[in-house]
Amino acid sequence: MNKQRLPPSRLRRVFTFINETRWIGWGLPLIGLLVAVANYRIFSRADRPQVHITEAYAGRTSTASSDTTWVAKYKNDGTKAAAHITVKLGTVDLSAKKSNMLAPPERLERLPAGPPFETAAAEFKFKQEDVHGLFVVCLFYTDDNGTTFRPVANFYKASAILMSSSDGRCCELADATSVEQEALSDWFTCAKL
């Protein structure tokens, strides 16, 4: 029996085609996975505004002044715009179970739903000696229909850093510990601030 062989050039073309198209075996499932993850991210977001703090720090207004400036940036991860945003900065004394406002409330612009996500910033000036131990930031907001959502409280503690910081920050902020947050949940509400 006489076996016929493909000419080498045709065989080479077949292997070249297989070699060049192997990305389909990896590429299509990878693209499908990325599309599924993106859709899950969109569908897992709440069907309402979700405003939260992305960055917060305190900085000295000047070396001569005893005033400190609190700066915080906010972002809306929800699917609807946030409106009528009010931010309150206060301080909490755990041992005495009392809280005080450190500065007048700040009103923020409307934050649309992303993407692209927009951020807004609020600044407060306060005296360092008025701080009892923990900072508390309360966020109040509504949606465009006027539905009010439960206020969001964030607790921070500050530790001093050198004034030579390049951006003028005086305090490094860290979230309150879980023990402190549990103790606060027994008696603190944003309505008390």
N, C-alpha and C. Protein backbone atom coordinates (compact mmCIF):
# COMPACT_ATOMS: atom_id res chain seq x y z
N MET A 1 0.81 -1.17 0.00
CA MET A 1 0.00 0.00 0.00
C MET A 1 0.86 1.25 0.00
N ASN A 2 0.47 2.15 -0.80
CA ASN A 2 1.26 3.37 -0.94
C ASN A 2 0.63 4.47 -0.10
N LYS A 3 1.33 4.88 0.94
CA LYS A 3 0.82 5.96 1.80
C LYS A 3 1.15 7.30 1.15
N GLN A 4 0.13 8.15 1.16
CA GLN A 4 0.39 9.49 0.63
C GLN A 4 0.70 10.42 1.79
N ARG A 5 1.69 11.18 1.62
CA ARG A 5 2.06 12.16 2.66
C ARG A 5 1.71 13.54 2.17
N LEU A 6 1.32 14.37 3.15
CA LEU A 6 1.07 15.78 2.81
C LEU A 6 2.40 16.44 2.50
N PRO A 7 2.36 17.34 1.58
CA PRO A 7 3.60 18.06 1.36
C PRO A 7 4.01 18.81 2.62
N PRO A 8 5.29 18.94 2.89
CA PRO A 8 5.75 19.59 4.13
C PRO A 8 5.20 20.99 4.31
N SER A 9 5.02 21.71 3.26
CA SER A 9 4.55 23.08 3.41
C SER A 9 3.11 23.11 3.93
N ARG A 10 2.26 22.19 3.50
CA ARG A 10 0.89 22.15 3.97
C ARG A 10 0.84 21.71 5.44
N LEU A 11 1.60 20.71 5.81
CA LEU A 11 1.67 20.24 7.20
C LEU A 11 2.18 21.36 8.11
N ARG A 12 3.17 22.07 7.65
CA ARG A 12 3.72 23.19 8.43
C ARG A 12 2.65 24.26 8.65
N ARG A 13 1.84 24.52 7.64
CA ARG A 13 0.77 25.51 7.78
C ARG A 13 -0.27 25.07 8.80
N VAL A 14 -0.60 23.79 8.83
CA VAL A 14 -1.57 23.29 9.81
C VAL A 14 -1.05 23.48 11.22
N PHE A 15 0.21 23.09 11.46
CA PHE A 15 0.78 23.25 12.81
C PHE A 15 0.94 24.73 13.18
N THR A 16 1.25 25.55 12.26
CA THR A 16 1.36 26.99 12.51
C THR A 16 0.00 27.55 12.91
N PHE A 17 -1.05 27.11 12.19
CA PHE A 17 -2.41 27.58 12.52
C PHE A 17 -2.80 27.15 13.94
N ILE A 18 -2.52 25.87 14.28
CA ILE A 18 -2.84 25.37 15.63
C ILE A 18 -2.05 26.15 16.68
N ASN A 19 -0.78 26.38 16.41
CA ASN A 19 0.07 27.11 17.36
C ASN A 19 -0.41 28.55 17.55
N GLU A 20 -0.81 29.20 16.46
CA GLU A 20 -1.23 30.60 16.55
C GLU A 20 -2.63 30.76 17.14
N THR A 21 -3.45 29.74 17.05
CA THR A 21 -4.82 29.86 17.57
C THR A 21 -5.02 29.23 18.93
N ARG A 22 -3.96 28.81 19.58
CA ARG A 22 -4.12 28.18 20.90
C ARG A 22 -4.60 29.19 21.95
N TRP A 23 -4.50 30.49 21.67
CA TRP A 23 -5.01 31.50 22.60
C TRP A 23 -6.51 31.33 22.80
N ILE A 24 -7.18 30.73 21.82
CA ILE A 24 -8.62 30.52 21.97
C ILE A 24 -8.90 29.63 23.16
N GLY A 25 -8.07 28.62 23.34
CA GLY A 25 -8.25 27.71 24.47
C GLY A 25 -8.10 28.39 25.82
N TRP A 26 -7.24 29.40 25.91
CA TRP A 26 -7.04 30.13 27.16
C TRP A 26 -7.79 31.46 27.16
N GLY A 27 -7.79 32.11 26.02
CA GLY A 27 -8.34 33.47 25.95
C GLY A 27 -9.84 33.54 26.12
N LEU A 28 -10.59 32.69 25.44
CA LEU A 28 -12.05 32.77 25.55
C LEU A 28 -12.55 32.49 26.97
N PRO A 29 -12.07 31.43 27.65
CA PRO A 29 -12.53 31.25 29.04
C PRO A 29 -12.12 32.41 29.95
N LEU A 30 -10.93 32.97 29.72
CA LEU A 30 -10.48 34.10 30.54
C LEU A 30 -11.37 35.32 30.31
N ILE A 31 -11.72 35.61 29.06
CA ILE A 31 -12.61 36.72 28.77
C ILE A 31 -13.97 36.49 29.39
N GLY A 32 -14.48 35.26 29.30
CA GLY A 32 -15.76 34.92 29.94
C GLY A 32 -15.72 35.12 31.44
N LEU A 33 -14.62 34.73 32.08
CA LEU A 33 -14.46 34.91 33.52
C LEU A 33 -14.45 36.39 33.88
N LEU A 34 -13.73 37.21 33.11
CA LEU A 34 -13.69 38.65 33.39
C LEU A 34 -15.06 39.30 33.25
N VAL A 35 -15.82 38.90 32.23
CA VAL A 35 -17.17 39.43 32.05
C VAL A 35 -18.06 39.02 33.23
N ALA A 36 -17.94 37.78 33.69
CA ALA A 36 -18.75 37.31 34.82
C ALA A 36 -18.40 38.08 36.09
N VAL A 37 -17.12 38.32 36.33
CA VAL A 37 -16.70 39.08 37.52
C VAL A 37 -17.21 40.51 37.45
N ALA A 38 -17.12 41.14 36.29
CA ALA A 38 -17.60 42.52 36.14
C ALA A 38 -19.11 42.59 36.38
N ASN A 39 -19.86 41.65 35.85
CA ASN A 39 -21.30 41.65 36.07
C ASN A 39 -21.65 41.37 37.52
N TYR A 40 -20.89 40.48 38.18
CA TYR A 40 -21.14 40.22 39.60
C TYR A 40 -20.91 41.48 40.41
N ARG A 41 -19.86 42.22 40.09
CA ARG A 41 -19.55 43.48 40.80
C ARG A 41 -20.69 44.47 40.63
N ILE A 42 -21.26 44.55 39.43
CA ILE A 42 -22.36 45.49 39.19
C ILE A 42 -23.61 45.05 39.93
N PHE A 43 -23.95 43.75 39.87
CA PHE A 43 -25.18 43.28 40.48
C PHE A 43 -25.08 43.16 41.99
N SER A 44 -23.87 43.05 42.54
CA SER A 44 -23.72 42.91 43.99
C SER A 44 -23.78 44.26 44.70
N ARG A 45 -23.70 45.36 43.94
CA ARG A 45 -23.81 46.67 44.57
C ARG A 45 -25.25 46.92 45.01
N ALA A 46 -25.40 47.62 46.09
CA ALA A 46 -26.73 47.91 46.61
C ALA A 46 -27.51 48.79 45.65
N ASP A 47 -28.82 48.59 45.62
CA ASP A 47 -29.68 49.39 44.75
C ASP A 47 -30.06 50.68 45.48
N ARG A 48 -29.04 51.38 45.92
CA ARG A 48 -29.20 52.64 46.65
C ARG A 48 -27.82 53.28 46.74
N PRO A 49 -27.75 54.51 47.25
CA PRO A 49 -26.42 55.09 47.46
C PRO A 49 -25.69 54.38 48.61
N GLN A 50 -24.39 54.29 48.52
CA GLN A 50 -23.55 53.76 49.61
C GLN A 50 -22.33 54.65 49.72
N VAL A 51 -22.39 55.64 50.59
CA VAL A 51 -21.29 56.59 50.77
C VAL A 51 -20.38 56.09 51.88
N HIS A 52 -19.08 56.13 51.64
CA HIS A 52 -18.12 55.74 52.67
C HIS A 52 -16.84 56.55 52.52
N ILE A 53 -16.04 56.53 53.58
CA ILE A 53 -14.77 57.27 53.61
C ILE A 53 -13.70 56.44 52.91
N THR A 54 -12.95 57.06 52.01
CA THR A 54 -11.84 56.37 51.34
C THR A 54 -10.49 56.75 51.94
N GLU A 55 -10.40 57.95 52.52
CA GLU A 55 -9.13 58.42 53.10
C GLU A 55 -9.44 59.48 54.14
N ALA A 56 -8.75 59.44 55.26
CA ALA A 56 -8.93 60.47 56.30
C ALA A 56 -7.60 60.72 56.98
N TYR A 57 -7.32 61.98 57.26
CA TYR A 57 -6.10 62.33 57.98
C TYR A 57 -6.28 63.68 58.65
N ALA A 58 -5.43 63.97 59.59
CA ALA A 58 -5.43 65.27 60.26
C ALA A 58 -4.10 65.95 59.98
N GLY A 59 -4.14 67.27 59.82
CA GLY A 59 -2.93 68.03 59.54
C GLY A 59 -2.96 69.37 60.24
N ARG A 60 -1.80 69.87 60.60
CA ARG A 60 -1.70 71.18 61.24
C ARG A 60 -1.93 72.27 60.19
N THR A 61 -2.68 73.32 60.59
CA THR A 61 -2.88 74.44 59.67
C THR A 61 -1.60 75.25 59.55
N SER A 62 -0.86 75.37 60.65
CA SER A 62 0.46 76.00 60.63
C SER A 62 1.19 75.59 61.90
N THR A 63 2.50 75.84 61.94
CA THR A 63 3.28 75.47 63.13
C THR A 63 2.93 76.34 64.31
N ALA A 64 2.50 77.58 64.07
CA ALA A 64 2.19 78.51 65.16
C ALA A 64 0.79 78.28 65.71
N SER A 65 -0.12 77.80 64.91
CA SER A 65 -1.52 77.65 65.32
C SER A 65 -1.74 76.34 66.05
N SER A 66 -2.68 76.35 66.98
CA SER A 66 -3.05 75.11 67.67
C SER A 66 -4.20 74.42 66.96
N ASP A 67 -4.69 75.04 65.88
CA ASP A 67 -5.77 74.43 65.11
C ASP A 67 -5.25 73.26 64.28
N THR A 68 -6.08 72.26 64.17
CA THR A 68 -5.78 71.10 63.34
C THR A 68 -6.88 70.99 62.30
N THR A 69 -6.53 70.53 61.13
CA THR A 69 -7.52 70.35 60.07
C THR A 69 -7.72 68.86 59.83
N TRP A 70 -8.97 68.44 59.85
CA TRP A 70 -9.33 67.07 59.52
C TRP A 70 -9.77 67.07 58.06
N VAL A 71 -9.20 66.20 57.26
CA VAL A 71 -9.58 66.08 55.86
C VAL A 71 -10.02 64.64 55.62
N ALA A 72 -11.15 64.48 54.98
CA ALA A 72 -11.63 63.14 54.64
C ALA A 72 -12.20 63.17 53.23
N LYS A 73 -12.00 62.06 52.51
CA LYS A 73 -12.54 61.93 51.15
C LYS A 73 -13.60 60.84 51.15
N TYR A 74 -14.64 61.07 50.37
CA TYR A 74 -15.79 60.19 50.36
C TYR A 74 -16.08 59.71 48.96
N LYS A 75 -16.69 58.51 48.87
CA LYS A 75 -16.99 57.89 47.59
C LYS A 75 -18.35 57.20 47.68
N ASN A 76 -19.06 57.14 46.57
CA ASN A 76 -20.36 56.47 46.50
C ASN A 76 -20.21 55.19 45.70
N ASP A 77 -20.34 54.04 46.36
CA ASP A 77 -20.23 52.75 45.69
C ASP A 77 -21.59 52.17 45.32
N GLY A 78 -22.66 52.88 45.59
CA GLY A 78 -24.00 52.37 45.29
C GLY A 78 -24.35 52.51 43.82
N THR A 79 -25.59 52.17 43.49
CA THR A 79 -26.05 52.27 42.11
C THR A 79 -26.88 53.52 41.88
N LYS A 80 -27.18 54.27 42.95
CA LYS A 80 -27.93 55.52 42.81
C LYS A 80 -27.12 56.66 43.42
N ALA A 81 -27.40 57.87 42.98
CA ALA A 81 -26.67 59.04 43.47
C ALA A 81 -27.04 59.33 44.92
N ALA A 82 -26.09 59.88 45.65
CA ALA A 82 -26.33 60.31 47.03
C ALA A 82 -26.52 61.83 47.02
N ALA A 83 -27.50 62.30 47.78
CA ALA A 83 -27.79 63.74 47.82
C ALA A 83 -27.90 64.18 49.28
N HIS A 84 -27.87 65.50 49.48
CA HIS A 84 -28.03 66.08 50.83
C HIS A 84 -27.09 65.40 51.83
N ILE A 85 -25.80 65.35 51.48
CA ILE A 85 -24.82 64.67 52.33
C ILE A 85 -24.34 65.63 53.41
N THR A 86 -24.45 65.20 54.65
CA THR A 86 -23.97 65.98 55.79
C THR A 86 -22.95 65.14 56.54
N VAL A 87 -21.82 65.74 56.86
CA VAL A 87 -20.76 65.05 57.59
C VAL A 87 -20.56 65.77 58.92
N LYS A 88 -20.55 64.98 60.00
CA LYS A 88 -20.27 65.54 61.33
C LYS A 88 -19.01 64.92 61.87
N LEU A 89 -18.13 65.75 62.42
CA LEU A 89 -16.90 65.28 63.06
C LEU A 89 -17.03 65.50 64.56
N GLY A 90 -16.80 64.46 65.32
CA GLY A 90 -16.90 64.56 66.76
C GLY A 90 -15.80 63.77 67.44
N THR A 91 -15.86 63.77 68.74
CA THR A 91 -14.92 63.01 69.54
C THR A 91 -15.70 62.23 70.59
N VAL A 92 -15.17 61.07 70.96
CA VAL A 92 -15.86 60.18 71.88
C VAL A 92 -14.94 59.83 73.04
N ASP A 93 -15.49 59.92 74.25
CA ASP A 93 -14.78 59.49 75.45
C ASP A 93 -15.41 58.18 75.91
N LEU A 94 -14.69 57.08 75.76
CA LEU A 94 -15.24 55.76 76.10
C LEU A 94 -15.52 55.60 77.58
N SER A 95 -14.60 56.08 78.42
CA SER A 95 -14.75 55.87 79.87
C SER A 95 -15.94 56.65 80.43
N ALA A 96 -16.16 57.88 79.97
CA ALA A 96 -17.27 58.70 80.47
C ALA A 96 -18.55 58.51 79.65
N LYS A 97 -18.45 57.77 78.55
CA LYS A 97 -19.59 57.55 77.64
C LYS A 97 -20.23 58.85 77.21
N LYS A 98 -19.38 59.74 76.68
CA LYS A 98 -19.91 61.01 76.17
C LYS A 98 -19.25 61.33 74.84
N SER A 99 -19.95 62.12 74.05
CA SER A 99 -19.43 62.54 72.76
C SER A 99 -19.70 64.02 72.55
N ASN A 100 -18.79 64.70 71.86
CA ASN A 100 -18.91 66.13 71.56
C ASN A 100 -18.61 66.36 70.08
N MET A 101 -19.25 67.37 69.52
CA MET A 101 -18.91 67.79 68.16
C MET A 101 -17.61 68.60 68.23
N LEU A 102 -16.76 68.41 67.24
CA LEU A 102 -15.50 69.16 67.18
C LEU A 102 -15.60 70.38 66.28
N ALA A 103 -16.52 70.36 65.33
CA ALA A 103 -16.65 71.46 64.36
C ALA A 103 -18.08 71.45 63.82
N PRO A 104 -18.51 72.56 63.25
CA PRO A 104 -19.84 72.58 62.63
C PRO A 104 -19.93 71.55 61.50
N PRO A 105 -21.12 71.01 61.26
CA PRO A 105 -21.27 70.02 60.19
C PRO A 105 -20.88 70.60 58.83
N GLU A 106 -20.42 69.73 57.98
CA GLU A 106 -20.02 70.10 56.62
C GLU A 106 -21.01 69.48 55.64
N ARG A 107 -21.40 70.25 54.64
CA ARG A 107 -22.31 69.74 53.61
C ARG A 107 -21.48 69.46 52.35
N LEU A 108 -21.74 68.30 51.75
CA LEU A 108 -21.01 67.90 50.55
C LEU A 108 -21.90 67.97 49.33
N GLU A 109 -21.25 68.09 48.19
CA GLU A 109 -21.98 68.06 46.92
C GLU A 109 -22.62 66.69 46.73
N ARG A 110 -23.52 66.64 45.82
CA ARG A 110 -24.15 65.38 45.43
C ARG A 110 -23.09 64.44 44.85
N LEU A 111 -23.13 63.19 45.24
CA LEU A 111 -22.17 62.21 44.73
C LEU A 111 -22.90 61.24 43.80
N PRO A 112 -22.62 61.29 42.49
CA PRO A 112 -23.29 60.38 41.58
C PRO A 112 -22.78 58.95 41.75
N ALA A 113 -23.56 58.01 41.26
CA ALA A 113 -23.13 56.62 41.28
C ALA A 113 -22.10 56.40 40.18
N GLY A 114 -21.14 55.51 40.41
CA GLY A 114 -20.10 55.25 39.42
C GLY A 114 -20.48 54.12 38.52
N PRO A 115 -19.56 53.62 37.72
CA PRO A 115 -18.28 54.22 37.43
C PRO A 115 -18.39 55.32 36.37
N PRO A 116 -17.49 56.25 36.22
CA PRO A 116 -16.32 56.38 37.08
C PRO A 116 -16.71 56.99 38.41
N PHE A 117 -16.14 56.46 39.48
CA PHE A 117 -16.49 56.93 40.81
C PHE A 117 -15.87 58.29 41.06
N GLU A 118 -16.66 59.18 41.61
CA GLU A 118 -16.16 60.50 41.95
C GLU A 118 -15.96 60.56 43.46
N THR A 119 -15.03 61.37 43.89
CA THR A 119 -14.81 61.54 45.32
C THR A 119 -15.05 63.00 45.68
N ALA A 120 -15.47 63.20 46.90
CA ALA A 120 -15.66 64.54 47.44
C ALA A 120 -14.86 64.61 48.73
N ALA A 121 -14.53 65.82 49.16
CA ALA A 121 -13.74 65.98 50.38
C ALA A 121 -14.41 66.96 51.32
N ALA A 122 -14.24 66.72 52.61
CA ALA A 122 -14.74 67.65 53.63
C ALA A 122 -13.57 67.99 54.54
N GLU A 123 -13.52 69.24 54.98
CA GLU A 123 -12.45 69.69 55.87
C GLU A 123 -13.06 70.32 57.11
N PHE A 124 -12.49 70.00 58.26
CA PHE A 124 -12.93 70.57 59.53
C PHE A 124 -11.71 71.13 60.25
N LYS A 125 -11.88 72.28 60.89
CA LYS A 125 -10.82 72.84 61.74
C LYS A 125 -11.25 72.67 63.20
N PHE A 126 -10.34 72.17 64.03
CA PHE A 126 -10.65 71.94 65.45
C PHE A 126 -9.38 72.10 66.27
N LYS A 127 -9.54 72.20 67.57
CA LYS A 127 -8.40 72.30 68.48
C LYS A 127 -8.07 70.90 69.00
N GLN A 128 -6.80 70.55 68.96
CA GLN A 128 -6.34 69.22 69.35
C GLN A 128 -6.69 68.90 70.81
N GLU A 129 -6.68 69.92 71.67
CA GLU A 129 -6.97 69.67 73.09
C GLU A 129 -8.43 69.30 73.34
N ASP A 130 -9.32 69.51 72.36
CA ASP A 130 -10.74 69.15 72.52
C ASP A 130 -11.01 67.67 72.25
N VAL A 131 -10.02 66.96 71.74
CA VAL A 131 -10.21 65.55 71.40
C VAL A 131 -10.11 64.69 72.66
N HIS A 132 -11.13 63.82 72.88
CA HIS A 132 -11.17 62.97 74.08
C HIS A 132 -10.41 61.66 73.93
N GLY A 133 -10.22 61.18 72.78
CA GLY A 133 -9.53 59.90 72.60
C GLY A 133 -9.80 59.32 71.22
N LEU A 134 -11.06 59.22 70.86
CA LEU A 134 -11.42 58.70 69.55
C LEU A 134 -12.14 59.77 68.74
N PHE A 135 -11.88 59.76 67.44
CA PHE A 135 -12.66 60.60 66.53
C PHE A 135 -13.85 59.77 66.05
N VAL A 136 -14.94 60.46 65.77
CA VAL A 136 -16.07 59.81 65.13
C VAL A 136 -16.53 60.69 63.97
N VAL A 137 -16.79 60.06 62.83
CA VAL A 137 -17.32 60.76 61.67
C VAL A 137 -18.66 60.12 61.34
N CYS A 138 -19.71 60.94 61.32
CA CYS A 138 -21.05 60.45 60.97
C CYS A 138 -21.45 61.01 59.61
N LEU A 139 -21.92 60.13 58.75
CA LEU A 139 -22.38 60.50 57.40
C LEU A 139 -23.89 60.34 57.34
N PHE A 140 -24.57 61.42 56.96
CA PHE A 140 -26.01 61.40 56.75
C PHE A 140 -26.25 61.72 55.28
N TYR A 141 -27.14 60.96 54.62
CA TYR A 141 -27.42 61.25 53.20
C TYR A 141 -28.75 60.66 52.79
N THR A 142 -29.24 61.14 51.65
CA THR A 142 -30.49 60.65 51.06
C THR A 142 -30.22 60.30 49.60
N ASP A 143 -31.24 59.75 48.95
CA ASP A 143 -31.14 59.60 47.50
C ASP A 143 -31.92 60.73 46.85
N ASP A 144 -32.02 60.74 45.54
CA ASP A 144 -32.70 61.83 44.84
C ASP A 144 -34.20 61.88 45.12
N ASN A 145 -34.77 60.78 45.59
CA ASN A 145 -36.20 60.74 45.92
C ASN A 145 -36.47 61.24 47.33
N GLY A 146 -35.43 61.53 48.09
CA GLY A 146 -35.59 62.01 49.46
C GLY A 146 -35.61 60.91 50.51
N THR A 147 -35.36 59.66 50.10
CA THR A 147 -35.30 58.56 51.07
C THR A 147 -34.06 58.73 51.93
N THR A 148 -34.25 58.76 53.25
CA THR A 148 -33.14 58.93 54.18
C THR A 148 -32.61 57.56 54.57
N PHE A 149 -31.29 57.42 54.61
CA PHE A 149 -30.66 56.15 54.98
C PHE A 149 -30.04 56.25 56.36
N ARG A 150 -29.86 55.10 56.97
CA ARG A 150 -29.27 55.04 58.30
C ARG A 150 -27.89 55.69 58.28
N PRO A 151 -27.60 56.57 59.24
CA PRO A 151 -26.28 57.23 59.25
C PRO A 151 -25.15 56.20 59.41
N VAL A 152 -24.02 56.52 58.82
CA VAL A 152 -22.84 55.66 58.89
C VAL A 152 -21.86 56.30 59.86
N ALA A 153 -21.40 55.55 60.86
CA ALA A 153 -20.42 56.06 61.83
C ALA A 153 -19.09 55.36 61.62
N ASN A 154 -18.01 56.15 61.58
CA ASN A 154 -16.65 55.63 61.47
C ASN A 154 -15.85 56.16 62.65
N PHE A 155 -15.15 55.28 63.35
CA PHE A 155 -14.37 55.66 64.52
C PHE A 155 -12.88 55.53 64.21
N TYR A 156 -12.11 56.53 64.66
CA TYR A 156 -10.67 56.54 64.43
C TYR A 156 -9.95 56.94 65.70
N LYS A 157 -8.71 56.48 65.81
CA LYS A 157 -7.83 57.00 66.86
C LYS A 157 -6.61 57.58 66.18
N ALA A 158 -6.04 58.59 66.81
CA ALA A 158 -4.92 59.31 66.19
C ALA A 158 -3.66 59.07 66.99
N SER A 159 -2.56 58.91 66.27
CA SER A 159 -1.26 58.88 66.91
C SER A 159 -0.39 59.92 66.22
N ALA A 160 0.36 60.66 67.00
CA ALA A 160 1.12 61.78 66.45
C ALA A 160 2.25 61.28 65.56
N ILE A 161 2.52 62.03 64.49
CA ILE A 161 3.70 61.79 63.66
C ILE A 161 4.44 63.13 63.54
N LEU A 162 5.65 63.09 63.09
CA LEU A 162 6.48 64.29 63.06
C LEU A 162 5.89 65.35 62.13
N MET A 163 6.05 66.61 62.51
CA MET A 163 5.54 67.73 61.72
C MET A 163 6.29 67.84 60.39
N SER A 164 7.42 67.17 60.24
CA SER A 164 8.20 67.27 59.01
C SER A 164 7.58 66.45 57.88
N SER A 165 6.42 65.89 58.12
CA SER A 165 5.73 65.15 57.06
C SER A 165 5.57 66.05 55.85
N SER A 166 5.83 65.54 54.66
CA SER A 166 5.86 66.36 53.46
C SER A 166 4.51 66.98 53.12
N ASP A 167 3.40 66.32 53.49
CA ASP A 167 2.09 66.87 53.17
C ASP A 167 1.45 67.60 54.35
N GLY A 168 2.20 67.84 55.43
CA GLY A 168 1.69 68.61 56.55
C GLY A 168 0.82 67.81 57.51
N ARG A 169 0.78 66.50 57.36
CA ARG A 169 -0.06 65.71 58.26
C ARG A 169 0.57 65.65 59.64
N CYS A 170 -0.28 65.77 60.65
CA CYS A 170 0.25 65.70 62.01
C CYS A 170 -0.12 64.41 62.69
N CYS A 171 -1.14 63.76 62.18
CA CYS A 171 -1.65 62.59 62.87
C CYS A 171 -1.92 61.46 61.89
N GLU A 172 -1.50 60.29 62.29
CA GLU A 172 -1.80 59.09 61.52
C GLU A 172 -3.09 58.52 62.09
N LEU A 173 -4.07 58.24 61.25
CA LEU A 173 -5.35 57.74 61.74
C LEU A 173 -5.46 56.25 61.52
N ALA A 174 -6.00 55.57 62.51
CA ALA A 174 -6.24 54.13 62.40
C ALA A 174 -7.66 53.86 62.87
N ASP A 175 -8.28 52.84 62.31
CA ASP A 175 -9.62 52.47 62.74
C ASP A 175 -9.59 52.08 64.21
N ALA A 176 -10.68 52.34 64.90
CA ALA A 176 -10.80 51.91 66.29
C ALA A 176 -10.77 50.38 66.33
N THR A 177 -10.29 49.83 67.43
CA THR A 177 -10.22 48.37 67.53
C THR A 177 -11.63 47.79 67.64
N SER A 178 -11.74 46.50 67.41
CA SER A 178 -13.05 45.84 67.49
C SER A 178 -13.62 45.91 68.90
N VAL A 179 -12.75 45.87 69.92
CA VAL A 179 -13.21 45.99 71.32
C VAL A 179 -13.80 47.38 71.55
N GLU A 180 -13.10 48.41 71.05
CA GLU A 180 -13.61 49.78 71.21
C GLU A 180 -14.92 49.96 70.46
N GLN A 181 -15.01 49.43 69.25
CA GLN A 181 -16.25 49.57 68.48
C GLN A 181 -17.41 48.84 69.14
N GLU A 182 -17.13 47.69 69.73
CA GLU A 182 -18.18 46.95 70.43
C GLU A 182 -18.66 47.72 71.65
N ALA A 183 -17.72 48.33 72.39
CA ALA A 183 -18.09 49.14 73.55
C ALA A 183 -18.92 50.35 73.13
N LEU A 184 -18.58 50.94 71.99
CA LEU A 184 -19.32 52.10 71.49
C LEU A 184 -20.72 51.72 71.01
N SER A 185 -20.87 50.53 70.47
CA SER A 185 -22.17 50.13 69.93
C SER A 185 -23.23 50.02 71.02
N ASP A 186 -22.82 49.88 72.28
CA ASP A 186 -23.77 49.79 73.39
C ASP A 186 -24.50 51.10 73.64
N TRP A 187 -23.84 52.23 73.38
CA TRP A 187 -24.47 53.50 73.77
C TRP A 187 -24.39 54.63 72.73
N PHE A 188 -23.45 54.55 71.79
CA PHE A 188 -23.29 55.68 70.85
C PHE A 188 -24.18 55.53 69.64
N THR A 189 -24.80 56.65 69.26
CA THR A 189 -25.50 56.75 67.97
C THR A 189 -25.14 58.11 67.37
N CYS A 190 -25.23 58.21 66.06
CA CYS A 190 -24.92 59.48 65.40
C CYS A 190 -25.92 60.57 65.79
N ALA A 191 -27.10 60.20 66.22
CA ALA A 191 -28.09 61.18 66.67
C ALA A 191 -27.62 61.91 67.92
N LYS A 192 -26.72 61.29 68.71
CA LYS A 192 -26.20 61.93 69.93
C LYS A 192 -25.14 62.96 69.63
N LEU A 193 -24.65 62.98 68.41
CA LEU A 193 -23.55 63.89 68.08
C LEU A 193 -24.11 65.25 67.69
